């Protein structure tokens, strides 16, 4: 809930090491975060607070995640 961005390096490392579906959780605070996580081919992302406070539009997030 700090809205400081997601730990992209951690998710990149985890996705290289493990053959599992990874859902990013925590720090996702912008559409740029959603796009970066999509580029890592993660299973999903929780946008919680960013959606709640209006920092991320759900429709745009879904489009960026395609």
N, C-alpha and C. Protein backbone atom coordinates (compact mmCIF):
# COMPACT_ATOMS: atom_id res chain seq x y z
N UNK A 1 0.77 -1.20 0.00
CA UNK A 1 0.00 0.00 0.00
C UNK A 1 0.82 1.27 0.00
N UNK A 2 2.15 1.15 -0.18
CA UNK A 2 3.00 2.34 -0.14
C UNK A 2 3.03 3.09 -1.47
N UNK A 3 2.52 2.45 -2.54
CA UNK A 3 2.47 3.07 -3.87
C UNK A 3 3.85 3.49 -4.38
N UNK A 4 4.85 2.64 -4.14
CA UNK A 4 6.22 2.95 -4.55
C UNK A 4 6.67 2.16 -5.77
N UNK A 5 5.77 1.43 -6.39
CA UNK A 5 6.15 0.61 -7.53
C UNK A 5 6.45 -0.81 -7.10
N UNK A 6 6.39 -1.71 -8.04
CA UNK A 6 6.58 -3.13 -7.75
C UNK A 6 8.04 -3.53 -7.88
N UNK A 7 8.41 -4.60 -7.25
CA UNK A 7 9.78 -5.10 -7.29
C UNK A 7 9.97 -5.97 -8.53
N UNK A 8 10.19 -5.33 -9.64
CA UNK A 8 10.29 -6.03 -10.94
C UNK A 8 11.43 -7.02 -10.97
N UNK A 9 12.55 -6.68 -10.37
CA UNK A 9 13.70 -7.58 -10.38
C UNK A 9 13.40 -8.88 -9.63
N UNK A 10 12.69 -8.77 -8.52
CA UNK A 10 12.32 -9.96 -7.76
C UNK A 10 11.44 -10.88 -8.60
N UNK A 11 10.43 -10.31 -9.25
CA UNK A 11 9.53 -11.13 -10.06
C UNK A 11 10.25 -11.72 -11.26
N UNK A 12 11.19 -10.99 -11.81
CA UNK A 12 11.98 -11.50 -12.93
C UNK A 12 12.80 -12.71 -12.48
N UNK A 13 13.44 -12.59 -11.33
CA UNK A 13 14.25 -13.68 -10.79
C UNK A 13 13.38 -14.89 -10.45
N UNK A 14 12.27 -14.66 -9.81
CA UNK A 14 11.37 -15.77 -9.45
C UNK A 14 10.86 -16.50 -10.68
N UNK A 15 10.50 -15.75 -11.72
CA UNK A 15 9.96 -16.38 -12.92
C UNK A 15 11.03 -17.18 -13.67
N UNK A 16 12.29 -16.80 -13.51
CA UNK A 16 13.38 -17.57 -14.12
C UNK A 16 13.66 -18.85 -13.33
N UNK A 17 13.56 -18.77 -12.02
CA UNK A 17 13.92 -19.90 -11.16
C UNK A 17 12.83 -20.96 -11.04
N UNK A 18 11.57 -20.55 -11.11
CA UNK A 18 10.47 -21.47 -10.83
C UNK A 18 9.48 -21.54 -11.97
N UNK A 19 9.04 -22.74 -12.27
CA UNK A 19 8.05 -22.95 -13.32
C UNK A 19 6.66 -23.03 -12.67
N UNK A 20 6.21 -21.89 -12.15
CA UNK A 20 4.92 -21.81 -11.49
C UNK A 20 4.23 -20.52 -11.93
N UNK A 21 2.91 -20.48 -11.71
CA UNK A 21 2.16 -19.26 -11.98
C UNK A 21 2.45 -18.27 -10.86
N UNK A 22 2.94 -17.09 -11.22
CA UNK A 22 3.27 -16.07 -10.23
C UNK A 22 2.31 -14.90 -10.37
N UNK A 23 1.73 -14.51 -9.25
CA UNK A 23 0.88 -13.33 -9.19
C UNK A 23 1.62 -12.26 -8.41
N UNK A 24 1.91 -11.16 -9.06
CA UNK A 24 2.59 -10.06 -8.39
C UNK A 24 1.63 -9.41 -7.41
N UNK A 25 2.13 -9.16 -6.23
CA UNK A 25 1.30 -8.56 -5.19
C UNK A 25 2.14 -7.57 -4.40
N UNK A 26 1.66 -6.38 -4.30
CA UNK A 26 2.37 -5.37 -3.54
C UNK A 26 3.13 -4.41 -4.42
N UNK A 27 2.88 -3.15 -4.25
CA UNK A 27 3.63 -2.12 -4.94
C UNK A 27 3.15 -1.76 -6.32
N UNK A 28 2.22 -2.50 -6.89
CA UNK A 28 1.73 -2.17 -8.23
C UNK A 28 0.96 -0.86 -8.12
N UNK A 29 1.54 0.18 -8.72
CA UNK A 29 0.96 1.51 -8.49
C UNK A 29 0.68 2.31 -9.76
N UNK A 30 0.99 1.73 -10.93
CA UNK A 30 0.77 2.46 -12.18
C UNK A 30 0.58 1.50 -13.34
N UNK A 31 0.09 2.03 -14.44
CA UNK A 31 -0.04 1.23 -15.66
C UNK A 31 1.35 0.76 -16.11
N UNK A 32 2.37 1.57 -15.90
CA UNK A 32 3.74 1.15 -16.25
C UNK A 32 4.13 -0.11 -15.50
N UNK A 33 3.74 -0.22 -14.24
CA UNK A 33 4.00 -1.45 -13.48
C UNK A 33 3.28 -2.64 -14.10
N UNK A 34 2.03 -2.44 -14.47
CA UNK A 34 1.25 -3.51 -15.10
C UNK A 34 1.92 -3.95 -16.39
N UNK A 35 2.34 -3.00 -17.21
CA UNK A 35 3.00 -3.33 -18.48
C UNK A 35 4.31 -4.06 -18.26
N UNK A 36 5.09 -3.62 -17.28
CA UNK A 36 6.37 -4.27 -16.99
C UNK A 36 6.16 -5.69 -16.50
N UNK A 37 5.17 -5.90 -15.66
CA UNK A 37 4.88 -7.25 -15.17
C UNK A 37 4.35 -8.12 -16.30
N UNK A 38 3.58 -7.55 -17.20
CA UNK A 38 3.09 -8.31 -18.36
C UNK A 38 4.27 -8.75 -19.23
N UNK A 39 5.24 -7.90 -19.38
CA UNK A 39 6.42 -8.25 -20.17
C UNK A 39 7.17 -9.42 -19.56
N UNK A 40 7.03 -9.61 -18.25
CA UNK A 40 7.66 -10.75 -17.58
C UNK A 40 6.82 -12.02 -17.71
N UNK A 41 5.65 -11.90 -18.33
CA UNK A 41 4.74 -13.01 -18.56
C UNK A 41 4.28 -13.67 -17.27
N UNK A 42 4.00 -12.83 -16.27
CA UNK A 42 3.48 -13.35 -15.01
C UNK A 42 2.02 -13.77 -15.17
N UNK A 43 1.55 -14.56 -14.24
CA UNK A 43 0.17 -15.04 -14.26
C UNK A 43 -0.82 -13.90 -14.01
N UNK A 44 -0.47 -13.01 -13.11
CA UNK A 44 -1.38 -11.92 -12.78
C UNK A 44 -0.74 -10.90 -11.86
N UNK A 45 -1.52 -9.90 -11.52
CA UNK A 45 -1.04 -8.86 -10.61
C UNK A 45 -2.23 -8.33 -9.81
N UNK A 46 -1.98 -8.06 -8.55
CA UNK A 46 -3.00 -7.47 -7.69
C UNK A 46 -2.74 -5.96 -7.65
N UNK A 47 -3.75 -5.22 -8.05
CA UNK A 47 -3.55 -3.76 -8.13
C UNK A 47 -4.22 -3.02 -6.97
N UNK A 48 -4.78 -3.74 -6.04
CA UNK A 48 -5.44 -3.25 -4.84
C UNK A 48 -5.56 -1.76 -4.62
N UNK A 49 -4.66 -1.19 -3.85
CA UNK A 49 -4.76 0.21 -3.45
C UNK A 49 -4.74 1.15 -4.66
N UNK A 50 -3.95 0.82 -5.66
CA UNK A 50 -3.86 1.68 -6.85
C UNK A 50 -5.23 1.83 -7.50
N UNK A 51 -6.00 0.76 -7.52
CA UNK A 51 -7.36 0.83 -8.07
C UNK A 51 -8.26 1.61 -7.12
N UNK A 52 -8.16 1.29 -5.85
CA UNK A 52 -9.02 1.91 -4.84
C UNK A 52 -8.89 3.44 -4.82
N UNK A 53 -7.67 3.94 -4.96
CA UNK A 53 -7.48 5.40 -4.90
C UNK A 53 -7.54 6.06 -6.28
N UNK A 54 -7.75 5.27 -7.34
CA UNK A 54 -7.90 5.82 -8.67
C UNK A 54 -6.60 6.03 -9.44
N UNK A 55 -5.51 5.47 -8.95
CA UNK A 55 -4.22 5.62 -9.65
C UNK A 55 -4.16 4.73 -10.89
N UNK A 56 -4.96 3.67 -10.90
CA UNK A 56 -5.01 2.77 -12.06
C UNK A 56 -6.48 2.59 -12.45
N UNK A 57 -6.76 2.80 -13.71
CA UNK A 57 -8.08 2.56 -14.27
C UNK A 57 -8.16 1.07 -14.62
N UNK A 58 -9.18 0.37 -14.12
CA UNK A 58 -9.28 -1.07 -14.31
C UNK A 58 -9.32 -1.45 -15.79
N UNK A 59 -10.08 -0.74 -16.58
CA UNK A 59 -10.19 -1.04 -18.01
C UNK A 59 -8.82 -0.92 -18.69
N UNK A 60 -8.09 0.13 -18.38
CA UNK A 60 -6.75 0.32 -18.96
C UNK A 60 -5.78 -0.74 -18.46
N UNK A 61 -5.91 -1.14 -17.21
CA UNK A 61 -5.04 -2.18 -16.66
C UNK A 61 -5.29 -3.51 -17.36
N UNK A 62 -6.55 -3.83 -17.58
CA UNK A 62 -6.88 -5.07 -18.28
C UNK A 62 -6.35 -5.06 -19.71
N UNK A 63 -6.46 -3.93 -20.37
CA UNK A 63 -5.94 -3.81 -21.74
C UNK A 63 -4.41 -3.96 -21.76
N UNK A 64 -3.74 -3.34 -20.79
CA UNK A 64 -2.27 -3.42 -20.70
C UNK A 64 -1.82 -4.84 -20.39
N UNK A 65 -2.66 -5.60 -19.73
CA UNK A 65 -2.28 -6.96 -19.32
C UNK A 65 -2.48 -8.00 -20.43
N UNK A 66 -3.08 -7.60 -21.53
CA UNK A 66 -3.33 -8.56 -22.64
C UNK A 66 -2.06 -8.92 -23.36
